[in-house]
Amino acid sequence: LGGGYLFGLPIGFLADSIGATIGATAAFLLGRT
């Protein structure tokens, strides 16, 4: 959520959502192997 305060709400929310998705995907792929 800190990204929203750094970049302004719309961009920060987008960056946070994308980052969370990438992080979850990476953790899922690492956990599968």
PDB file of N, CA and C in Angstrom:
ATOM      1  N   LEU A   1       0.826  -1.213   0.000  1.00  0.00           N
ATOM      2  CA  LEU A   1       0.000   0.000   0.000  1.00  0.00           C
ATOM      3  C   LEU A   1       0.854   1.254   0.000  1.00  0.00           C
ATOM      4  N   GLY A   2       2.115   1.153   0.389  1.00  0.00           N
ATOM      5  CA  GLY A   2       2.989   2.325   0.437  1.00  0.00           C
ATOM      6  C   GLY A   2       3.184   2.950  -0.927  1.00  0.00           C
ATOM      7  N   GLY A   3       3.080   2.148  -1.991  1.00  0.00           N
ATOM      8  CA  GLY A   3       3.271   2.683  -3.333  1.00  0.00           C
ATOM      9  C   GLY A   3       2.246   3.753  -3.663  1.00  0.00           C
ATOM     10  N   GLY A   4       1.060   3.647  -3.101  1.00  0.00           N
ATOM     11  CA  GLY A   4       0.027   4.642  -3.369  1.00  0.00           C
ATOM     12  C   GLY A   4       0.433   6.018  -2.876  1.00  0.00           C
ATOM     13  N   TYR A   5       1.143   6.060  -1.756  1.00  0.00           N
ATOM     14  CA  TYR A   5       1.565   7.353  -1.229  1.00  0.00           C
ATOM     15  C   TYR A   5       2.766   7.897  -1.986  1.00  0.00           C
ATOM     16  N   LEU A   6       3.583   7.006  -2.560  1.00  0.00           N
ATOM     17  CA  LEU A   6       4.777   7.457  -3.273  1.00  0.00           C
ATOM     18  C   LEU A   6       4.419   8.057  -4.623  1.00  0.00           C
ATOM     19  N   PHE A   7       3.517   7.414  -5.350  1.00  0.00           N
ATOM     20  CA  PHE A   7       3.285   7.772  -6.751  1.00  0.00           C
ATOM     21  C   PHE A   7       1.955   8.475  -6.976  1.00  0.00           C
ATOM     22  N   GLY A   8       1.168   8.662  -5.934  1.00  0.00           N
ATOM     23  CA  GLY A   8      -0.193   9.131  -6.166  1.00  0.00           C
ATOM     24  C   GLY A   8      -1.095   7.916  -6.293  1.00  0.00           C
ATOM     25  N   LEU A   9      -2.356   8.077  -5.991  1.00  0.00           N
ATOM     26  CA  LEU A   9      -3.222   6.913  -5.818  1.00  0.00           C
ATOM     27  C   LEU A   9      -3.358   6.049  -7.069  1.00  0.00           C
ATOM     28  N   PRO A  10      -3.688   6.586  -8.244  1.00  0.00           N
ATOM     29  CA  PRO A  10      -3.946   5.698  -9.395  1.00  0.00           C
ATOM     30  C   PRO A  10      -2.716   4.896  -9.801  1.00  0.00           C
ATOM     31  N   ILE A  11      -1.591   5.586  -9.959  1.00  0.00           N
ATOM     32  CA  ILE A  11      -0.379   4.892 -10.400  1.00  0.00           C
ATOM     33  C   ILE A  11       0.115   3.964  -9.297  1.00  0.00           C
ATOM     34  N   GLY A  12       0.064   4.422  -8.068  1.00  0.00           N
ATOM     35  CA  GLY A  12       0.519   3.596  -6.957  1.00  0.00           C
ATOM     36  C   GLY A  12      -0.320   2.334  -6.814  1.00  0.00           C
ATOM     37  N   PHE A  13      -1.631   2.483  -7.003  1.00  0.00           N
ATOM     38  CA  PHE A  13      -2.511   1.317  -6.906  1.00  0.00           C
ATOM     39  C   PHE A  13      -2.198   0.318  -8.008  1.00  0.00           C
ATOM     40  N   LEU A  14      -1.983   0.837  -9.222  1.00  0.00           N
ATOM     41  CA  LEU A  14      -1.639  -0.036 -10.348  1.00  0.00           C
ATOM     42  C   LEU A  14      -0.324  -0.751 -10.082  1.00  0.00           C
ATOM     43  N   ALA A  15       0.694   0.002  -9.680  1.00  0.00           N
ATOM     44  CA  ALA A  15       2.010  -0.594  -9.448  1.00  0.00           C
ATOM     45  C   ALA A  15       1.926  -1.635  -8.327  1.00  0.00           C
ATOM     46  N   ASP A  16       1.158  -1.345  -7.292  1.00  0.00           N
ATOM     47  CA  ASP A  16       1.030  -2.264  -6.176  1.00  0.00           C
ATOM     48  C   ASP A  16       0.323  -3.543  -6.606  1.00  0.00           C
ATOM     49  N   SER A  17      -0.729  -3.398  -7.427  1.00  0.00           N
ATOM     50  CA  SER A  17      -1.463  -4.572  -7.889  1.00  0.00           C
ATOM     51  C   SER A  17      -0.590  -5.440  -8.780  1.00  0.00           C
ATOM     52  N   ILE A  18       0.139  -4.789  -9.701  1.00  0.00           N
ATOM     53  CA  ILE A  18       1.012  -5.539 -10.601  1.00  0.00           C
ATOM     54  C   ILE A  18       2.115  -6.227  -9.801  1.00  0.00           C
ATOM     55  N   GLY A  19       2.711  -5.510  -8.874  1.00  0.00           N
ATOM     56  CA  GLY A  19       3.780  -6.088  -8.073  1.00  0.00           C
ATOM     57  C   GLY A  19       3.288  -7.264  -7.243  1.00  0.00           C
ATOM     58  N   ALA A  20       2.097  -7.147  -6.680  1.00  0.00           N
ATOM     59  CA  ALA A  20       1.557  -8.236  -5.871  1.00  0.00           C
ATOM     60  C   ALA A  20       1.273  -9.454  -6.741  1.00  0.00           C
ATOM     61  N   THR A  21       0.755  -9.213  -7.949  1.00  0.00           N
ATOM     62  CA  THR A  21       0.453 -10.324  -8.850  1.00  0.00           C
ATOM     63  C   THR A  21       1.729 -11.045  -9.255  1.00  0.00           C
ATOM     64  N   ILE A  22       2.758 -10.268  -9.609  1.00  0.00           N
ATOM     65  CA  ILE A  22       4.031 -10.874 -10.012  1.00  0.00           C
ATOM     66  C   ILE A  22       4.636 -11.638  -8.838  1.00  0.00           C
ATOM     67  N   GLY A  23       4.579 -11.063  -7.660  1.00  0.00           N
ATOM     68  CA  GLY A  23       5.135 -11.726  -6.489  1.00  0.00           C
ATOM     69  C   GLY A  23       4.408 -13.030  -6.179  1.00  0.00           C
ATOM     70  N   ALA A  24       3.083 -13.018  -6.270  1.00  0.00           N
ATOM     71  CA  ALA A  24       2.318 -14.231  -5.996  1.00  0.00           C
ATOM     72  C   ALA A  24       2.601 -15.296  -7.045  1.00  0.00           C
ATOM     73  N   THR A  25       2.712 -14.874  -8.308  1.00  0.00           N
ATOM     74  CA  THR A  25       2.998 -15.828  -9.379  1.00  0.00           C
ATOM     75  C   THR A  25       4.372 -16.446  -9.184  1.00  0.00           C
ATOM     76  N   ALA A  26       5.362 -15.608  -8.852  1.00  0.00           N
ATOM     77  CA  ALA A  26       6.715 -16.120  -8.651  1.00  0.00           C
ATOM     78  C   ALA A  26       6.744 -17.097  -7.477  1.00  0.00           C
ATOM     79  N   ALA A  27       6.059 -16.767  -6.390  1.00  0.00           N
ATOM     80  CA  ALA A  27       6.036 -17.649  -5.229  1.00  0.00           C
ATOM     81  C   ALA A  27       5.343 -18.966  -5.574  1.00  0.00           C
ATOM     82  N   PHE A  28       4.287 -18.892  -6.373  1.00  0.00           N
ATOM     83  CA  PHE A  28       3.564 -20.097  -6.769  1.00  0.00           C
ATOM     84  C   PHE A  28       4.444 -21.000  -7.622  1.00  0.00           C
ATOM     85  N   LEU A  29       5.134 -20.388  -8.597  1.00  0.00           N
ATOM     86  CA  LEU A  29       5.996 -21.178  -9.477  1.00  0.00           C
ATOM     87  C   LEU A  29       7.156 -21.786  -8.697  1.00  0.00           C
ATOM     88  N   LEU A  30       7.735 -21.019  -7.773  1.00  0.00           N
ATOM     89  CA  LEU A  30       8.840 -21.544  -6.973  1.00  0.00           C
ATOM     90  C   LEU A  30       8.353 -22.669  -6.058  1.00  0.00           C
ATOM     91  N   GLY A  31       7.148 -22.525  -5.530  1.00  0.00           N
ATOM     92  CA  GLY A  31       6.625 -23.536  -4.626  1.00  0.00           C
ATOM     93  C   GLY A  31       6.287 -24.839  -5.340  1.00  0.00           C
ATOM     94  N   ARG A  32       5.961 -24.760  -6.615  1.00  0.00           N
ATOM     95  CA  ARG A  32       5.578 -25.954  -7.368  1.00  0.00           C
ATOM     96  C   ARG A  32       6.768 -26.854  -7.651  1.00  0.00           C
ATOM     97  N   THR A  33       7.927 -26.258  -7.867  1.00  0.00           N
ATOM     98  CA  THR A  33       9.073 -27.053  -8.318  1.00  0.00           C
ATOM     99  C   THR A  33       9.693 -27.844  -7.176  1.00  0.00           C
TER     100      THR A  33
END
